[in-house]
Amino acid sequence: QVQLVESGGGSVQAGGSLRLSCVASGLSCVVSGLKYNTCSMGWFRQAPGKEREGVATVDSVDSTSFADSVKGRFTVSKDNAKNTLYLQMNSLQPEDTAMYYCATSQRPLYGFPHPDEYNYWGQGTQVTVSS
């Protein structure tokens, strides 16, 4: 059974930083060398009244992609040995306030996949940024 557990959310003032972690278990991934992994992972967020949107993803050839709104402020990294995905969020702004979700797919994905491409999701961690 695949499980994703996010942590690291909280409340910060504008300009602050947070680091989110997502630990995955039960995954069945095929890893080839350092750059190919059939399991793709990503961070998504959903604010009240808005659709879920992609924030940052790591695809099957270890390429990272970011939403335009977070480029230059957020970084994403993945530790394959620990099946853990991280999201470092700097220079946080009130518009970053949302529930942040980690997701994974056990089939190869490339680029900046739509949330519908991912079939396992965590429970989410709340990020609140005050002005």
C-alpha atoms as a PDB file:
ATOM      1  CA  GLN A   1       0.000   0.000   0.000  1.00  0.00           C
ATOM      2  CA  VAL A   2       1.449   3.328  -1.066  1.00  0.00           C
ATOM      3  CA  GLN A   3       1.499   6.020   1.579  1.00  0.00           C
ATOM      4  CA  LEU A   4       2.731   9.588   1.393  1.00  0.00           C
ATOM      5  CA  VAL A   5       3.216  11.613   4.555  1.00  0.00           C
ATOM      6  CA  GLU A   6       3.905  15.323   4.333  1.00  0.00           C
ATOM      7  CA  SER A   7       5.350  17.478   7.076  1.00  0.00           C
ATOM      8  CA  GLY A   8       6.864  20.905   7.578  1.00  0.00           C
ATOM      9  CA  GLY A   9       3.908  23.178   7.004  1.00  0.00           C
ATOM     10  CA  GLY A  10       3.111  26.045   9.311  1.00  0.00           C
ATOM     11  CA  SER A  11       2.487  29.750   9.622  1.00  0.00           C
ATOM     12  CA  VAL A  12       5.101  32.309   8.660  1.00  0.00           C
ATOM     13  CA  GLN A  13       5.256  35.981   7.834  1.00  0.00           C
ATOM     14  CA  ALA A  14       5.810  37.221   4.318  1.00  0.00           C
ATOM     15  CA  GLY A  15       9.437  36.833   3.346  1.00  0.00           C
ATOM     16  CA  GLY A  16       9.908  33.796   5.530  1.00  0.00           C
ATOM     17  CA  SER A  17      10.863  30.249   4.615  1.00  0.00           C
ATOM     18  CA  LEU A  18       9.568  26.761   5.144  1.00  0.00           C
ATOM     19  CA  ARG A  19      10.789  23.330   4.115  1.00  0.00           C
ATOM     20  CA  LEU A  20       8.270  20.640   3.347  1.00  0.00           C
ATOM     21  CA  SER A  21       9.091  16.948   3.378  1.00  0.00           C
ATOM     22  CA  CYS A  22       7.200  14.022   1.922  1.00  0.00           C
ATOM     23  CA  VAL A  23       8.098  10.476   2.852  1.00  0.00           C
ATOM     24  CA  ALA A  24       6.778   7.794   0.550  1.00  0.00           C
ATOM     25  CA  SER A  25       6.389   4.154   1.458  1.00  0.00           C
ATOM     26  CA  GLY A  26       5.115   1.136  -0.365  1.00  0.00           C
ATOM     27  CA  LEU A  27       6.392   2.377  -3.698  1.00  0.00           C
ATOM     28  CA  SER A  28       7.408  -0.019  -6.417  1.00  0.00           C
ATOM     29  CA  CYS A  29       9.860   1.890  -8.548  1.00  0.00           C
ATOM     30  CA  VAL A  30      12.322   0.830 -11.183  1.00  0.00           C
ATOM     31  CA  VAL A  31      15.519   2.842 -10.889  1.00  0.00           C
ATOM     32  CA  SER A  32      18.126   2.771 -13.598  1.00  0.00           C
ATOM     33  CA  GLY A  33      21.378   4.504 -12.834  1.00  0.00           C
ATOM     34  CA  LEU A  34      21.239   7.953 -11.306  1.00  0.00           C
ATOM     35  CA  LYS A  35      18.833   9.585 -13.679  1.00  0.00           C
ATOM     36  CA  TYR A  36      15.925   7.306 -14.379  1.00  0.00           C
ATOM     37  CA  ASN A  37      13.171   6.415 -11.969  1.00  0.00           C
ATOM     38  CA  THR A  38       9.745   5.135 -12.942  1.00  0.00           C
ATOM     39  CA  CYS A  39       8.261   6.893  -9.914  1.00  0.00           C
ATOM     40  CA  SER A  40       7.715  10.586 -10.402  1.00  0.00           C
ATOM     41  CA  MET A  41       6.892  12.888  -7.533  1.00  0.00           C
ATOM     42  CA  GLY A  42       5.618  16.388  -7.193  1.00  0.00           C
ATOM     43  CA  TRP A  43       4.246  19.089  -4.954  1.00  0.00           C
ATOM     44  CA  PHE A  44       0.850  20.613  -5.539  1.00  0.00           C
ATOM     45  CA  ARG A  45      -1.241  23.135  -3.687  1.00  0.00           C
ATOM     46  CA  GLN A  46      -4.838  24.123  -3.360  1.00  0.00           C
ATOM     47  CA  ALA A  47      -6.126  27.353  -1.910  1.00  0.00           C
ATOM     48  CA  PRO A  48      -9.758  27.728  -0.816  1.00  0.00           C
ATOM     49  CA  GLY A  49     -12.020  28.185  -3.821  1.00  0.00           C
ATOM     50  CA  LYS A  50      -9.265  27.408  -6.293  1.00  0.00           C
ATOM     51  CA  GLU A  51      -8.269  24.365  -8.296  1.00  0.00           C
ATOM     52  CA  ARG A  52      -5.313  22.250  -7.330  1.00  0.00           C
ATOM     53  CA  GLU A  53      -2.199  23.435  -9.133  1.00  0.00           C
ATOM     54  CA  GLY A  54       1.273  22.131  -9.689  1.00  0.00           C
ATOM     55  CA  VAL A  55       4.043  23.780  -7.701  1.00  0.00           C
ATOM     56  CA  ALA A  56       7.165  21.742  -8.381  1.00  0.00           C
ATOM     57  CA  THR A  57       7.808  18.315  -9.835  1.00  0.00           C
ATOM     58  CA  VAL A  58      10.647  15.873 -10.335  1.00  0.00           C
ATOM     59  CA  ASP A  59      10.049  13.687 -13.344  1.00  0.00           C
ATOM     60  CA  SER A  60      11.340  10.278 -14.356  1.00  0.00           C
ATOM     61  CA  VAL A  61      14.632  11.589 -15.717  1.00  0.00           C
ATOM     62  CA  ASP A  62      15.191  13.722 -12.619  1.00  0.00           C
ATOM     63  CA  SER A  63      14.225  16.954 -14.324  1.00  0.00           C
ATOM     64  CA  THR A  64      12.606  19.560 -12.155  1.00  0.00           C
ATOM     65  CA  SER A  65       9.826  21.904 -13.184  1.00  0.00           C
ATOM     66  CA  PHE A  66       8.202  24.790 -11.376  1.00  0.00           C
ATOM     67  CA  ALA A  67       5.117  26.871 -11.639  1.00  0.00           C
ATOM     68  CA  ASP A  68       5.938  30.351 -12.898  1.00  0.00           C
ATOM     69  CA  SER A  69       4.659  31.841  -9.652  1.00  0.00           C
ATOM     70  CA  VAL A  70       7.328  30.089  -7.576  1.00  0.00           C
ATOM     71  CA  LYS A  71      10.348  30.122  -9.885  1.00  0.00           C
ATOM     72  CA  GLY A  72      13.374  31.592  -8.210  1.00  0.00           C
ATOM     73  CA  ARG A  73      11.825  31.183  -4.760  1.00  0.00           C
ATOM     74  CA  PHE A  74      11.156  27.452  -4.392  1.00  0.00           C
ATOM     75  CA  THR A  75      13.475  24.520  -4.956  1.00  0.00           C
ATOM     76  CA  VAL A  76      12.592  20.837  -5.076  1.00  0.00           C
ATOM     77  CA  SER A  77      14.803  17.859  -4.404  1.00  0.00           C
ATOM     78  CA  LYS A  78      14.392  14.127  -4.077  1.00  0.00           C
ATOM     79  CA  ASP A  79      16.312  11.544  -2.136  1.00  0.00           C
ATOM     80  CA  ASN A  80      15.665   8.287  -3.996  1.00  0.00           C
ATOM     81  CA  ALA A  81      17.336   6.181  -1.318  1.00  0.00           C
ATOM     82  CA  LYS A  82      14.931   7.542   1.285  1.00  0.00           C
ATOM     83  CA  ASN A  83      11.937   7.909  -1.043  1.00  0.00           C
ATOM     84  CA  THR A  84      11.638  11.448   0.248  1.00  0.00           C
ATOM     85  CA  LEU A  85      10.695  14.593  -1.628  1.00  0.00           C
ATOM     86  CA  TYR A  86      11.518  18.049  -0.317  1.00  0.00           C
ATOM     87  CA  LEU A  87      10.245  21.512  -1.139  1.00  0.00           C
ATOM     88  CA  GLN A  88      12.286  24.461   0.067  1.00  0.00           C
ATOM     89  CA  MET A  89      10.160  27.567  -0.005  1.00  0.00           C
ATOM     90  CA  ASN A  90      11.844  30.942   0.379  1.00  0.00           C
ATOM     91  CA  SER A  91      10.521  34.485   0.142  1.00  0.00           C
ATOM     92  CA  LEU A  92       7.042  33.254   0.913  1.00  0.00           C
ATOM     93  CA  GLN A  93       4.160  35.528   0.022  1.00  0.00           C
ATOM     94  CA  PRO A  94       0.536  35.578   1.202  1.00  0.00           C
ATOM     95  CA  GLU A  95      -0.532  34.190  -2.183  1.00  0.00           C
ATOM     96  CA  ASP A  96       1.438  31.033  -1.363  1.00  0.00           C
ATOM     97  CA  THR A  97      -1.076  30.245   1.364  1.00  0.00           C
ATOM     98  CA  ALA A  98      -2.636  26.884   0.578  1.00  0.00           C
ATOM     99  CA  MET A  99      -2.793  23.249   1.482  1.00  0.00           C
ATOM    100  CA  TYR A 100       0.279  21.619   0.003  1.00  0.00           C
ATOM    101  CA  TYR A 101       0.111  18.050  -1.226  1.00  0.00           C
ATOM    102  CA  CYS A 102       2.738  15.548  -2.227  1.00  0.00           C
ATOM    103  CA  ALA A 103       1.907  13.127  -5.008  1.00  0.00           C
ATOM    104  CA  THR A 104       3.549  10.263  -6.807  1.00  0.00           C
ATOM    105  CA  SER A 105       3.011   8.166  -9.868  1.00  0.00           C
ATOM    106  CA  GLN A 106       4.444   4.704 -10.288  1.00  0.00           C
ATOM    107  CA  ARG A 107       4.671   5.094 -14.036  1.00  0.00           C
ATOM    108  CA  PRO A 108       7.092   7.315 -15.907  1.00  0.00           C
ATOM    109  CA  LEU A 109       6.088  10.940 -16.239  1.00  0.00           C
ATOM    110  CA  TYR A 110       7.994  13.729 -17.953  1.00  0.00           C
ATOM    111  CA  GLY A 111       7.994  17.492 -17.853  1.00  0.00           C
ATOM    112  CA  PHE A 112       5.423  19.233 -15.670  1.00  0.00           C
ATOM    113  CA  PRO A 113       2.581  16.700 -15.433  1.00  0.00           C
ATOM    114  CA  HIS A 114      -0.995  17.643 -14.678  1.00  0.00           C
ATOM    115  CA  PRO A 115      -2.178  16.649 -11.198  1.00  0.00           C
ATOM    116  CA  ASP A 116      -4.484  14.064 -12.794  1.00  0.00           C
ATOM    117  CA  GLU A 117      -1.411  12.112 -13.923  1.00  0.00           C
ATOM    118  CA  TYR A 118      -0.533  11.259 -10.329  1.00  0.00           C
ATOM    119  CA  ASN A 119      -2.343   8.407  -8.662  1.00  0.00           C
ATOM    120  CA  TYR A 120      -1.189   8.591  -5.052  1.00  0.00           C
ATOM    121  CA  TRP A 121      -1.581  11.599  -2.791  1.00  0.00           C
ATOM    122  CA  GLY A 122      -0.671  12.571   0.723  1.00  0.00           C
ATOM    123  CA  GLN A 123      -3.032  14.112   3.221  1.00  0.00           C
ATOM    124  CA  GLY A 124      -1.600  17.582   2.800  1.00  0.00           C
ATOM    125  CA  THR A 125       0.136  20.094   5.030  1.00  0.00           C
ATOM    126  CA  GLN A 126      -1.110  23.641   5.522  1.00  0.00           C
ATOM    127  CA  VAL A 127       1.072  26.615   4.694  1.00  0.00           C
ATOM    128  CA  THR A 128      -0.159  30.011   5.837  1.00  0.00           C
ATOM    129  CA  VAL A 129       1.721  33.197   5.009  1.00  0.00           C
ATOM    130  CA  SER A 130       0.682  36.431   6.666  1.00  0.00           C
ATOM    131  CA  SER A 131       1.491  39.902   5.390  1.00  0.00           C
END
